PDB file of N, CA and C in Angstrom:
ATOM      1  N   MET A   1     -51.417 -97.413-121.366  1.00  0.00           N
ATOM      2  CA  MET A   1     -50.295 -96.530-121.665  1.00  0.00           C
ATOM      3  C   MET A   1     -48.995 -97.239-121.273  1.00  0.00           C
ATOM      4  N   SER A   2     -48.022 -97.235-122.162  1.00  0.00           N
ATOM      5  CA  SER A   2     -46.752 -97.896-121.877  1.00  0.00           C
ATOM      6  C   SER A   2     -45.934 -97.056-120.894  1.00  0.00           C
ATOM      7  N   GLU A   3     -44.944 -97.701-120.317  1.00  0.00           N
ATOM      8  CA  GLU A   3     -44.059 -97.018-119.357  1.00  0.00           C
ATOM      9  C   GLU A   3     -43.375 -95.814-120.003  1.00  0.00           C
ATOM     10  N   LEU A   4     -42.989 -95.937-121.262  1.00  0.00           N
ATOM     11  CA  LEU A   4     -42.305 -94.840-121.950  1.00  0.00           C
ATOM     12  C   LEU A   4     -43.229 -93.674-122.272  1.00  0.00           C
ATOM     13  N   GLN A   5     -44.511 -93.914-122.352  1.00  0.00           N
ATOM     14  CA  GLN A   5     -45.455 -92.858-122.702  1.00  0.00           C
ATOM     15  C   GLN A   5     -45.936 -92.071-121.488  1.00  0.00           C
ATOM     16  N   ARG A   6     -45.649 -92.517-120.288  1.00  0.00           N
ATOM     17  CA  ARG A   6     -46.096 -91.817-119.087  1.00  0.00           C
ATOM     18  C   ARG A   6     -45.381 -90.482-118.946  1.00  0.00           C
ATOM     19  N   ARG A   7     -46.133 -89.487-118.550  1.00  0.00           N
ATOM     20  CA  ARG A   7     -45.579 -88.156-118.338  1.00  0.00           C
ATOM     21  C   ARG A   7     -45.065 -88.077-116.898  1.00  0.00           C
ATOM     22  N   TYR A   8     -44.062 -87.263-116.686  1.00  0.00           N
ATOM     23  CA  TYR A   8     -43.572 -87.072-115.328  1.00  0.00           C
ATOM     24  C   TYR A   8     -43.203 -85.611-115.113  1.00  0.00           C
ATOM     25  N   ARG A   9     -43.109 -85.249-113.869  1.00  0.00           N
ATOM     26  CA  ARG A   9     -42.627 -83.933-113.455  1.00  0.00           C
ATOM     27  C   ARG A   9     -41.593 -84.176-112.370  1.00  0.00           C
ATOM     28  N   LEU A  10     -40.396 -83.687-112.578  1.00  0.00           N
ATOM     29  CA  LEU A  10     -39.304 -83.873-111.635  1.00  0.00           C
ATOM     30  C   LEU A  10     -38.912 -82.511-111.080  1.00  0.00           C
ATOM     31  N   ASN A  11     -38.940 -82.379-109.771  1.00  0.00           N
ATOM     32  CA  ASN A  11     -38.587 -81.123-109.116  1.00  0.00           C
ATOM     33  C   ASN A  11     -37.162 -81.242-108.583  1.00  0.00           C
ATOM     34  N   ILE A  12     -36.261 -80.439-109.146  1.00  0.00           N
ATOM     35  CA  ILE A  12     -34.876 -80.407-108.685  1.00  0.00           C
ATOM     36  C   ILE A  12     -34.595 -79.005-108.178  1.00  0.00           C
ATOM     37  N   ARG A  13     -34.545 -78.889-106.852  1.00  0.00           N
ATOM     38  CA  ARG A  13     -34.281 -77.603-106.197  1.00  0.00           C
ATOM     39  C   ARG A  13     -35.185 -76.488-106.710  1.00  0.00           C
ATOM     40  N   GLY A  14     -36.466 -76.813-106.863  1.00  0.00           N
ATOM     41  CA  GLY A  14     -37.444 -75.816-107.259  1.00  0.00           C
ATOM     42  C   GLY A  14     -37.626 -75.649-108.762  1.00  0.00           C
ATOM     43  N   ARG A  15     -36.787 -76.280-109.545  1.00  0.00           N
ATOM     44  CA  ARG A  15     -36.952 -76.215-111.001  1.00  0.00           C
ATOM     45  C   ARG A  15     -37.673 -77.475-111.455  1.00  0.00           C
ATOM     46  N   ILE A  16     -38.746 -77.300-112.204  1.00  0.00           N
ATOM     47  CA  ILE A  16     -39.559 -78.426-112.649  1.00  0.00           C
ATOM     48  C   ILE A  16     -39.105 -78.877-114.028  1.00  0.00           C
ATOM     49  N   PHE A  17     -38.802 -80.169-114.148  1.00  0.00           N
ATOM     50  CA  PHE A  17     -38.440 -80.769-115.425  1.00  0.00           C
ATOM     51  C   PHE A  17     -39.599 -81.659-115.848  1.00  0.00           C
ATOM     52  N   GLU A  18     -40.130 -81.387-117.022  1.00  0.00           N
ATOM     53  CA  GLU A  18     -41.235 -82.166-117.586  1.00  0.00           C
ATOM     54  C   GLU A  18     -40.669 -83.350-118.354  1.00  0.00           C
ATOM     55  N   SER A  19     -41.534 -84.289-118.696  1.00  0.00           N
ATOM     56  CA  SER A  19     -41.144 -85.440-119.507  1.00  0.00           C
ATOM     57  C   SER A  19     -40.417 -84.963-120.760  1.00  0.00           C
ATOM     58  N   GLY A  20     -39.465 -85.715-121.183  1.00  0.00           N
ATOM     59  CA  GLY A  20     -38.742 -85.386-122.407  1.00  0.00           C
ATOM     60  C   GLY A  20     -37.250 -85.537-122.216  1.00  0.00           C
ATOM     61  N   THR A  21     -36.519 -85.025-123.171  1.00  0.00           N
ATOM     62  CA  THR A  21     -35.072 -85.121-123.162  1.00  0.00           C
ATOM     63  C   THR A  21     -34.477 -83.880-122.517  1.00  0.00           C
ATOM     64  N   HIS A  22     -33.519 -84.090-121.654  1.00  0.00           N
ATOM     65  CA  HIS A  22     -32.821 -82.995-120.984  1.00  0.00           C
ATOM     66  C   HIS A  22     -31.325 -83.271-121.063  1.00  0.00           C
ATOM     67  N   ILE A  23     -30.534 -82.214-121.042  1.00  0.00           N
ATOM     68  CA  ILE A  23     -29.085 -82.351-121.172  1.00  0.00           C
ATOM     69  C   ILE A  23     -28.426 -82.103-119.819  1.00  0.00           C
ATOM     70  N   MET A  24     -27.563 -83.048-119.415  1.00  0.00           N
ATOM     71  CA  MET A  24     -26.810 -82.926-118.175  1.00  0.00           C
ATOM     72  C   MET A  24     -25.330 -82.883-118.506  1.00  0.00           C
ATOM     73  N   ALA A  25     -24.608 -81.978-117.874  1.00  0.00           N
ATOM     74  CA  ALA A  25     -23.154 -81.922-118.023  1.00  0.00           C
ATOM     75  C   ALA A  25     -22.524 -82.483-116.761  1.00  0.00           C
ATOM     76  N   ILE A  26     -21.427 -83.176-116.922  1.00  0.00           N
ATOM     77  CA  ILE A  26     -20.724 -83.753-115.781  1.00  0.00           C
ATOM     78  C   ILE A  26     -19.378 -83.061-115.632  1.00  0.00           C
ATOM     79  N   LEU A  27     -19.156 -82.502-114.446  1.00  0.00           N
ATOM     80  CA  LEU A  27     -17.880 -81.885-114.104  1.00  0.00           C
ATOM     81  C   LEU A  27     -17.275 -82.718-112.982  1.00  0.00           C
ATOM     82  N   ASN A  28     -16.043 -83.117-113.137  1.00  0.00           N
ATOM     83  CA  ASN A  28     -15.396 -83.953-112.132  1.00  0.00           C
ATOM     84  C   ASN A  28     -14.401 -83.131-111.324  1.00  0.00           C
ATOM     85  N   ALA A  29     -14.580 -83.126-110.018  1.00  0.00           N
ATOM     86  CA  ALA A  29     -13.711 -82.378-109.121  1.00  0.00           C
ATOM     87  C   ALA A  29     -12.656 -83.288-108.495  1.00  0.00           C
ATOM     88  N   THR A  30     -12.266 -84.298-109.244  1.00  0.00           N
ATOM     89  CA  THR A  30     -11.221 -85.214-108.789  1.00  0.00           C
ATOM     90  C   THR A  30     -10.118 -85.250-109.838  1.00  0.00           C
ATOM     91  N   PRO A  31      -8.870 -85.354-109.410  1.00  0.00           N
ATOM     92  CA  PRO A  31      -7.757 -85.305-110.363  1.00  0.00           C
ATOM     93  C   PRO A  31      -7.605 -86.562-111.203  1.00  0.00           C
ATOM     94  N   ASP A  32      -8.309 -87.638-110.858  1.00  0.00           N
ATOM     95  CA  ASP A  32      -8.124 -88.900-111.577  1.00  0.00           C
ATOM     96  C   ASP A  32      -9.308 -89.281-112.443  1.00  0.00           C
ATOM     97  N   SER A  33     -10.099 -88.298-112.837  1.00  0.00           N
ATOM     98  CA  SER A  33     -11.238 -88.566-113.708  1.00  0.00           C
ATOM     99  C   SER A  33     -10.755 -89.177-115.010  1.00  0.00           C
ATOM    100  N   PHE A  34     -11.515 -90.131-115.527  1.00  0.00           N
ATOM    101  CA  PHE A  34     -11.159 -90.797-116.777  1.00  0.00           C
ATOM    102  C   PHE A  34     -11.040 -89.798-117.929  1.00  0.00           C
ATOM    103  N   PHE A  35     -12.012 -88.873-118.037  1.00  0.00           N
ATOM    104  CA  PHE A  35     -12.038 -87.924-119.139  1.00  0.00           C
ATOM    105  C   PHE A  35     -11.413 -86.611-118.674  1.00  0.00           C
ATOM    106  N   GLU A  36     -10.186 -86.368-119.096  1.00  0.00           N
ATOM    107  CA  GLU A  36      -9.406 -85.229-118.612  1.00  0.00           C
ATOM    108  C   GLU A  36     -10.113 -83.888-118.797  1.00  0.00           C
ATOM    109  N   GLU A  37     -10.813 -83.706-119.914  1.00  0.00           N
ATOM    110  CA  GLU A  37     -11.459 -82.419-120.181  1.00  0.00           C
ATOM    111  C   GLU A  37     -12.640 -82.133-119.255  1.00  0.00           C
ATOM    112  N   SER A  38     -13.121 -83.132-118.531  1.00  0.00           N
ATOM    113  CA  SER A  38     -14.225 -82.916-117.598  1.00  0.00           C
ATOM    114  C   SER A  38     -13.731 -82.547-116.209  1.00  0.00           C
ATOM    115  N   ARG A  39     -12.427 -82.532-116.000  1.00  0.00           N
ATOM    116  CA  ARG A  39     -11.874 -82.241-114.675  1.00  0.00           C
ATOM    117  C   ARG A  39     -12.012 -80.754-114.354  1.00  0.00           C
ATOM    118  N   ALA A  40     -12.628 -80.492-113.226  1.00  0.00           N
ATOM    119  CA  ALA A  40     -12.875 -79.109-112.784  1.00  0.00           C
ATOM    120  C   ALA A  40     -12.067 -78.846-111.528  1.00  0.00           C
ATOM    121  N   MET A  41     -10.769 -78.909-111.646  1.00  0.00           N
ATOM    122  CA  MET A  41      -9.904 -78.721-110.486  1.00  0.00           C
ATOM    123  C   MET A  41      -9.758 -77.228-110.205  1.00  0.00           C
ATOM    124  N   GLY A  42     -10.238 -76.806-109.059  1.00  0.00           N
ATOM    125  CA  GLY A  42     -10.171 -75.401-108.666  1.00  0.00           C
ATOM    126  C   GLY A  42     -11.439 -74.656-109.044  1.00  0.00           C
ATOM    127  N   THR A  43     -11.741 -73.661-108.264  1.00  0.00           N
ATOM    128  CA  THR A  43     -12.974 -72.898-108.441  1.00  0.00           C
ATOM    129  C   THR A  43     -13.048 -72.218-109.802  1.00  0.00           C
ATOM    130  N   ASP A  44     -11.971 -71.574-110.227  1.00  0.00           N
ATOM    131  CA  ASP A  44     -11.996 -70.856-111.507  1.00  0.00           C
ATOM    132  C   ASP A  44     -12.285 -71.796-112.672  1.00  0.00           C
ATOM    133  N   ARG A  45     -11.632 -72.951-112.686  1.00  0.00           N
ATOM    134  CA  ARG A  45     -11.850 -73.932-113.770  1.00  0.00           C
ATOM    135  C   ARG A  45     -13.270 -74.485-113.715  1.00  0.00           C
ATOM    136  N   ALA A  46     -13.776 -74.746-112.514  1.00  0.00           N
ATOM    137  CA  ALA A  46     -15.144 -75.262-112.368  1.00  0.00           C
ATOM    138  C   ALA A  46     -16.158 -74.252-112.903  1.00  0.00           C
ATOM    139  N   ILE A  47     -15.982 -72.993-112.584  1.00  0.00           N
ATOM    140  CA  ILE A  47     -16.894 -71.947-113.069  1.00  0.00           C
ATOM    141  C   ILE A  47     -16.805 -71.833-114.586  1.00  0.00           C
ATOM    142  N   LEU A  48     -15.611 -71.899-115.132  1.00  0.00           N
ATOM    143  CA  LEU A  48     -15.422 -71.838-116.585  1.00  0.00           C
ATOM    144  C   LEU A  48     -16.122 -73.008-117.277  1.00  0.00           C
ATOM    145  N   LEU A  49     -15.901 -74.228-116.782  1.00  0.00           N
ATOM    146  CA  LEU A  49     -16.524 -75.401-117.394  1.00  0.00           C
ATOM    147  C   LEU A  49     -18.039 -75.386-117.227  1.00  0.00           C
ATOM    148  N   ALA A  50     -18.528 -74.974-116.064  1.00  0.00           N
ATOM    149  CA  ALA A  50     -19.975 -74.910-115.834  1.00  0.00           C
ATOM    150  C   ALA A  50     -20.612 -73.889-116.770  1.00  0.00           C
ATOM    151  N   GLY A  51     -19.999 -72.734-116.922  1.00  0.00           N
ATOM    152  CA  GLY A  51     -20.523 -71.712-117.829  1.00  0.00           C
ATOM    153  C   GLY A  51     -20.558 -72.193-119.267  1.00  0.00           C
ATOM    154  N   ALA A  52     -19.510 -72.890-119.685  1.00  0.00           N
ATOM    155  CA  ALA A  52     -19.459 -73.417-121.055  1.00  0.00           C
ATOM    156  C   ALA A  52     -20.544 -74.471-121.256  1.00  0.00           C
ATOM    157  N   ALA A  53     -20.742 -75.329-120.263  1.00  0.00           N
ATOM    158  CA  ALA A  53     -21.766 -76.373-120.372  1.00  0.00           C
ATOM    159  C   ALA A  53     -23.159 -75.756-120.464  1.00  0.00           C
ATOM    160  N   LEU A  54     -23.430 -74.757-119.636  1.00  0.00           N
ATOM    161  CA  LEU A  54     -24.733 -74.087-119.670  1.00  0.00           C
ATOM    162  C   LEU A  54     -24.931 -73.376-121.007  1.00  0.00           C
ATOM    163  N   ALA A  55     -23.882 -72.738-121.515  1.00  0.00           N
ATOM    164  CA  ALA A  55     -23.967 -72.056-122.811  1.00  0.00           C
ATOM    165  C   ALA A  55     -24.222 -73.048-123.942  1.00  0.00           C
ATOM    166  N   ASP A  56     -23.744 -74.274-123.775  1.00  0.00           N
ATOM    167  CA  ASP A  56     -23.944 -75.322-124.784  1.00  0.00           C
ATOM    168  C   ASP A  56     -25.293 -76.023-124.652  1.00  0.00           C
ATOM    169  N   GLY A  57     -26.092 -75.626-123.648  1.00  0.00           N
ATOM    170  CA  GLY A  57     -27.432 -76.172-123.531  1.00  0.00           C
ATOM    171  C   GLY A  57     -27.701 -77.073-122.350  1.00  0.00           C
ATOM    172  N   ALA A  58     -26.712 -77.281-121.486  1.00  0.00           N
ATOM    173  CA  ALA A  58     -26.945 -78.131-120.318  1.00  0.00           C
ATOM    174  C   ALA A  58     -27.992 -77.487-119.407  1.00  0.00           C
ATOM    175  N   GLU A  59     -28.871 -78.318-118.886  1.00  0.00           N
ATOM    176  CA  GLU A  59     -29.892 -77.856-117.949  1.00  0.00           C
ATOM    177  C   GLU A  59     -29.567 -78.267-116.522  1.00  0.00           C
ATOM    178  N   VAL A  60     -28.751 -79.292-116.383  1.00  0.00           N
ATOM    179  CA  VAL A  60     -28.376 -79.822-115.075  1.00  0.00           C
ATOM    180  C   VAL A  60     -26.861 -79.992-115.058  1.00  0.00           C
ATOM    181  N   LEU A  61     -26.228 -79.612-113.946  1.00  0.00           N
ATOM    182  CA  LEU A  61     -24.800 -79.844-113.757  1.00  0.00           C
ATOM    183  C   LEU A  61     -24.618 -80.910-112.683  1.00  0.00           C
ATOM    184  N   ASP A  62     -23.916 -81.965-113.022  1.00  0.00           N
ATOM    185  CA  ASP A  62     -23.587 -83.029-112.078  1.00  0.00           C
ATOM    186  C   ASP A  62     -22.112 -82.855-111.738  1.00  0.00           C
ATOM    187  N   ILE A  63     -21.833 -82.489-110.499  1.00  0.00           N
ATOM    188  CA  ILE A  63     -20.449 -82.256-110.088  1.00  0.00           C
ATOM    189  C   ILE A  63     -19.984 -83.454-109.271  1.00  0.00           C
ATOM    190  N   GLY A  64     -19.070 -84.216-109.867  1.00  0.00           N
ATOM    191  CA  GLY A  64     -18.550 -85.415-109.212  1.00  0.00           C
ATOM    192  C   GLY A  64     -17.449 -85.051-108.241  1.00  0.00           C
ATOM    193  N   GLY A  65     -17.704 -85.289-106.969  1.00  0.00           N
ATOM    194  CA  GLY A  65     -16.743 -84.911-105.944  1.00  0.00           C
ATOM    195  C   GLY A  65     -15.909 -86.056-105.415  1.00  0.00           C
ATOM    196  N   GLN A  66     -16.190 -87.274-105.865  1.00  0.00           N
ATOM    197  CA  GLN A  66     -15.420 -88.418-105.395  1.00  0.00           C
ATOM    198  C   GLN A  66     -15.268 -89.421-106.526  1.00  0.00           C
ATOM    199  N   SER A  67     -14.072 -89.895-106.708  1.00  0.00           N
ATOM    200  CA  SER A  67     -13.809 -90.897-107.734  1.00  0.00           C
ATOM    201  C   SER A  67     -14.472 -92.217-107.360  1.00  0.00           C
ATOM    202  N   THR A  68     -14.903 -92.946-108.371  1.00  0.00           N
ATOM    203  CA  THR A  68     -15.479 -94.277-108.147  1.00  0.00           C
ATOM    204  C   THR A  68     -14.640 -95.362-108.808  1.00  0.00           C
ATOM    205  N   ARG A  69     -13.434 -94.999-109.236  1.00  0.00           N
ATOM    206  CA  ARG A  69     -12.577 -95.993-109.876  1.00  0.00           C
ATOM    207  C   ARG A  69     -12.151 -97.044-108.855  1.00  0.00           C
ATOM    208  N   PRO A  70     -11.845 -98.256-109.299  1.00  0.00           N
ATOM    209  CA  PRO A  70     -11.401 -99.305-108.369  1.00  0.00           C
ATOM    210  C   PRO A  70     -10.150 -98.862-107.606  1.00  0.00           C
ATOM    211  N   GLY A  71     -10.155 -99.078-106.310  1.00  0.00           N
ATOM    212  CA  GLY A  71      -8.989 -98.771-105.483  1.00  0.00           C
ATOM    213  C   GLY A  71      -8.865 -97.320-105.069  1.00  0.00           C
ATOM    214  N   CYS A  72      -9.855 -96.494-105.374  1.00  0.00           N
ATOM    215  CA  CYS A  72      -9.743 -95.078-105.024  1.00  0.00           C
ATOM    216  C   CYS A  72      -9.902 -94.885-103.523  1.00  0.00           C
ATOM    217  N   ARG A  73      -9.361 -93.775-103.026  1.00  0.00           N
ATOM    218  CA  ARG A  73      -9.433 -93.449-101.605  1.00  0.00           C
ATOM    219  C   ARG A  73     -10.758 -92.765-101.320  1.00  0.00           C
ATOM    220  N   PRO A  74     -11.567 -93.286-100.387  1.00  0.00           N
ATOM    221  CA  PRO A  74     -12.804 -92.605-100.020  1.00  0.00           C
ATOM    222  C   PRO A  74     -12.478 -91.248 -99.370  1.00  0.00           C
ATOM    223  N   ILE A  75     -13.340 -90.272 -99.572  1.00  0.00           N
ATOM    224  CA  ILE A  75     -13.128 -88.966 -98.942  1.00  0.00           C
ATOM    225  C   ILE A  75     -14.265 -88.692 -97.970  1.00  0.00           C
ATOM    226  N   CYS A  76     -13.996 -87.853 -96.982  1.00  0.00           N
ATOM    227  CA  CYS A  76     -15.004 -87.521 -95.991  1.00  0.00           C
ATOM    228  C   CYS A  76     -15.896 -86.411 -96.537  1.00  0.00           C
ATOM    229  N   ALA A  77     -17.061 -86.229 -95.946  1.00  0.00           N
ATOM    230  CA  ALA A  77     -18.037 -85.231 -96.396  1.00  0.00           C
ATOM    231  C   ALA A  77     -17.456 -83.819 -96.361  1.00  0.00           C
ATOM    232  N   GLU A  78     -16.643 -83.510 -95.356  1.00  0.00           N
ATOM    233  CA  GLU A  78     -16.070 -82.161 -95.247  1.00  0.00           C
ATOM    234  C   GLU A  78     -15.166 -81.833 -96.426  1.00  0.00           C
ATOM    235  N   GLU A  79     -14.401 -82.816 -96.872  1.00  0.00           N
ATOM    236  CA  GLU A  79     -13.504 -82.591 -98.012  1.00  0.00           C
ATOM    237  C   GLU A  79     -14.304 -82.340 -99.269  1.00  0.00           C
TER     238      GLU A  79
END
């Protein structure tokens, strides 16, 4: 059996994802995100974008809390 044909089960916080294609939405909680429409600045905007992503079929939400662009300021865990 090839690597691509192997079945898997992934447990993410109690939800089981079986082998196959899954949709993930990315919400960025940083003001300098490359893609402006993915910026979720503030709770209300984050909830709006997350709801829209789920309605569009996203199964997983990836919330980016720290920029990874060159020269960005690292943030502490509390922030």
